[in-house]
Amino acid sequence: MKKHLYGSGNVALASHNEGSYAHYFGKIKDLKNGEEIIYITNMGERRYEVFESKIIKETNVEVLENTEENTITLITCEKGKRDYRRCVIGKEKI
């Protein structure tokens, strides 16, 4: 597993996908397995490869748990499905 000075594990991010000034996940539903997610912070950049995209119940917090591998979990609402969320998970590319 690739280690970083600022840690490893699961980075979980949530955002709107429409209707708000902060709708950063507007195209999240279009992400396919194998596509790249680039996460940039003032501490550096990480690149992840999408391996799972699914619809989950809004109460499913298991996807937020820490992981052994470096992963990223993106969560947003699912249009027309009030009690559900879209969840996209990627593994860090090494």
C-alpha atoms as a PDB file:
ATOM      1  CA  MET A   1       0.000   0.000   0.000  1.00  0.00           C
ATOM      2  CA  LYS A   2       1.270   3.450  -0.893  1.00  0.00           C
ATOM      3  CA  LYS A   3       1.764   5.596   2.227  1.00  0.00           C
ATOM      4  CA  HIS A   4       1.661   9.381   2.315  1.00  0.00           C
ATOM      5  CA  LEU A   5       2.896  11.890   4.843  1.00  0.00           C
ATOM      6  CA  TYR A   6      -0.698  12.952   5.414  1.00  0.00           C
ATOM      7  CA  GLY A   7      -2.112   9.502   5.923  1.00  0.00           C
ATOM      8  CA  SER A   8      -4.004   6.862   4.048  1.00  0.00           C
ATOM      9  CA  GLY A   9      -7.447   5.320   4.052  1.00  0.00           C
ATOM     10  CA  ASN A  10     -10.823   6.519   2.831  1.00  0.00           C
ATOM     11  CA  VAL A  11     -11.404  10.129   1.771  1.00  0.00           C
ATOM     12  CA  ALA A  12     -15.173  10.727   1.780  1.00  0.00           C
ATOM     13  CA  LEU A  13     -16.678  13.785   0.067  1.00  0.00           C
ATOM     14  CA  ALA A  14     -20.298  14.854  -0.336  1.00  0.00           C
ATOM     15  CA  SER A  15     -21.765  17.574  -2.540  1.00  0.00           C
ATOM     16  CA  HIS A  16     -24.882  18.601  -4.393  1.00  0.00           C
ATOM     17  CA  ASN A  17     -25.234  17.602  -8.040  1.00  0.00           C
ATOM     18  CA  GLU A  18     -27.695  20.317  -9.099  1.00  0.00           C
ATOM     19  CA  GLY A  19     -29.756  23.253  -7.905  1.00  0.00           C
ATOM     20  CA  SER A  20     -27.175  24.843  -5.616  1.00  0.00           C
ATOM     21  CA  TYR A  21     -24.230  27.143  -6.171  1.00  0.00           C
ATOM     22  CA  ALA A  22     -22.081  24.295  -4.801  1.00  0.00           C
ATOM     23  CA  HIS A  23     -23.057  21.481  -7.167  1.00  0.00           C
ATOM     24  CA  TYR A  24     -19.595  20.030  -7.638  1.00  0.00           C
ATOM     25  CA  PHE A  25     -20.919  16.560  -8.432  1.00  0.00           C
ATOM     26  CA  GLY A  26     -23.079  17.580 -11.399  1.00  0.00           C
ATOM     27  CA  LYS A  27     -21.662  14.829 -13.620  1.00  0.00           C
ATOM     28  CA  ILE A  28     -21.083  12.130 -11.010  1.00  0.00           C
ATOM     29  CA  LYS A  29     -23.753   9.871 -12.519  1.00  0.00           C
ATOM     30  CA  ASP A  30     -21.691   9.713 -15.726  1.00  0.00           C
ATOM     31  CA  LEU A  31     -18.573   8.267 -14.056  1.00  0.00           C
ATOM     32  CA  LYS A  32     -17.805   4.741 -15.241  1.00  0.00           C
ATOM     33  CA  ASN A  33     -15.531   2.020 -13.886  1.00  0.00           C
ATOM     34  CA  GLY A  34     -11.937   2.672 -14.921  1.00  0.00           C
ATOM     35  CA  GLU A  35     -12.335   6.454 -15.185  1.00  0.00           C
ATOM     36  CA  GLU A  36     -10.099   8.756 -13.197  1.00  0.00           C
ATOM     37  CA  ILE A  37     -10.920  10.989 -10.238  1.00  0.00           C
ATOM     38  CA  ILE A  38      -8.302  13.629  -9.418  1.00  0.00           C
ATOM     39  CA  TYR A  39      -8.405  14.993  -5.874  1.00  0.00           C
ATOM     40  CA  ILE A  40      -6.302  18.125  -5.339  1.00  0.00           C
ATOM     41  CA  THR A  41      -5.673  19.801  -1.990  1.00  0.00           C
ATOM     42  CA  ASN A  42      -3.034  22.209  -0.753  1.00  0.00           C
ATOM     43  CA  MET A  43      -1.186  19.110   0.483  1.00  0.00           C
ATOM     44  CA  GLY A  44      -0.887  17.590  -2.982  1.00  0.00           C
ATOM     45  CA  GLU A  45      -2.726  15.555  -5.566  1.00  0.00           C
ATOM     46  CA  ARG A  46      -4.059  12.009  -5.591  1.00  0.00           C
ATOM     47  CA  ARG A  47      -5.475  10.097  -8.538  1.00  0.00           C
ATOM     48  CA  TYR A  48      -8.075   7.393  -8.155  1.00  0.00           C
ATOM     49  CA  GLU A  49      -9.672   4.896 -10.527  1.00  0.00           C
ATOM     50  CA  VAL A  50     -13.417   4.356 -10.249  1.00  0.00           C
ATOM     51  CA  PHE A  51     -14.262   0.744  -9.437  1.00  0.00           C
ATOM     52  CA  GLU A  52     -17.816   1.041  -8.122  1.00  0.00           C
ATOM     53  CA  SER A  53     -20.854   3.248  -8.692  1.00  0.00           C
ATOM     54  CA  LYS A  54     -24.037   2.386  -6.858  1.00  0.00           C
ATOM     55  CA  ILE A  55     -27.240   3.714  -5.343  1.00  0.00           C
ATOM     56  CA  ILE A  56     -27.405   3.388  -1.558  1.00  0.00           C
ATOM     57  CA  LYS A  57     -29.966   4.169   1.151  1.00  0.00           C
ATOM     58  CA  GLU A  58     -29.355   7.563   2.766  1.00  0.00           C
ATOM     59  CA  THR A  59     -28.808   5.736   6.067  1.00  0.00           C
ATOM     60  CA  ASN A  60     -25.954   3.594   4.694  1.00  0.00           C
ATOM     61  CA  VAL A  61     -22.917   5.014   6.477  1.00  0.00           C
ATOM     62  CA  GLU A  62     -20.755   1.921   5.973  1.00  0.00           C
ATOM     63  CA  VAL A  63     -19.295   3.512   2.821  1.00  0.00           C
ATOM     64  CA  LEU A  64     -17.769   6.197   5.059  1.00  0.00           C
ATOM     65  CA  GLU A  65     -15.725   3.772   7.141  1.00  0.00           C
ATOM     66  CA  ASN A  66     -11.954   3.841   6.937  1.00  0.00           C
ATOM     67  CA  THR A  67     -10.247   1.433   4.538  1.00  0.00           C
ATOM     68  CA  GLU A  68      -6.904  -0.341   4.415  1.00  0.00           C
ATOM     69  CA  GLU A  69      -6.337   0.888   0.850  1.00  0.00           C
ATOM     70  CA  ASN A  70      -6.307   4.518  -0.226  1.00  0.00           C
ATOM     71  CA  THR A  71      -9.810   5.110  -1.553  1.00  0.00           C
ATOM     72  CA  ILE A  72     -12.107   8.019  -2.318  1.00  0.00           C
ATOM     73  CA  THR A  73     -15.869   7.892  -1.756  1.00  0.00           C
ATOM     74  CA  LEU A  74     -18.105  10.473  -3.445  1.00  0.00           C
ATOM     75  CA  ILE A  75     -21.722  10.816  -2.311  1.00  0.00           C
ATOM     76  CA  THR A  76     -24.564  12.913  -3.690  1.00  0.00           C
ATOM     77  CA  CYS A  77     -28.347  12.841  -3.862  1.00  0.00           C
ATOM     78  CA  GLU A  78     -30.141  10.724  -6.441  1.00  0.00           C
ATOM     79  CA  LYS A  79     -32.655  12.684  -8.505  1.00  0.00           C
ATOM     80  CA  GLY A  80     -36.242  11.684  -7.764  1.00  0.00           C
ATOM     81  CA  LYS A  81     -35.235   9.270  -4.990  1.00  0.00           C
ATOM     82  CA  ARG A  82     -35.413  11.224  -1.744  1.00  0.00           C
ATOM     83  CA  ASP A  83     -34.192   8.393   0.512  1.00  0.00           C
ATOM     84  CA  TYR A  84     -31.274   7.307  -1.696  1.00  0.00           C
ATOM     85  CA  ARG A  85     -27.803   8.549  -2.594  1.00  0.00           C
ATOM     86  CA  ARG A  86     -25.419   7.917  -5.458  1.00  0.00           C
ATOM     87  CA  CYS A  87     -22.075   6.594  -4.229  1.00  0.00           C
ATOM     88  CA  VAL A  88     -18.937   6.393  -6.389  1.00  0.00           C
ATOM     89  CA  ILE A  89     -15.832   4.704  -4.998  1.00  0.00           C
ATOM     90  CA  GLY A  90     -12.318   4.840  -6.428  1.00  0.00           C
ATOM     91  CA  LYS A  91      -8.995   3.221  -5.519  1.00  0.00           C
ATOM     92  CA  GLU A  92      -5.798   5.223  -5.615  1.00  0.00           C
ATOM     93  CA  LYS A  93      -3.722   4.688  -8.740  1.00  0.00           C
ATOM     94  CA  ILE A  94      -0.131   3.831  -7.998  1.00  0.00           C
END
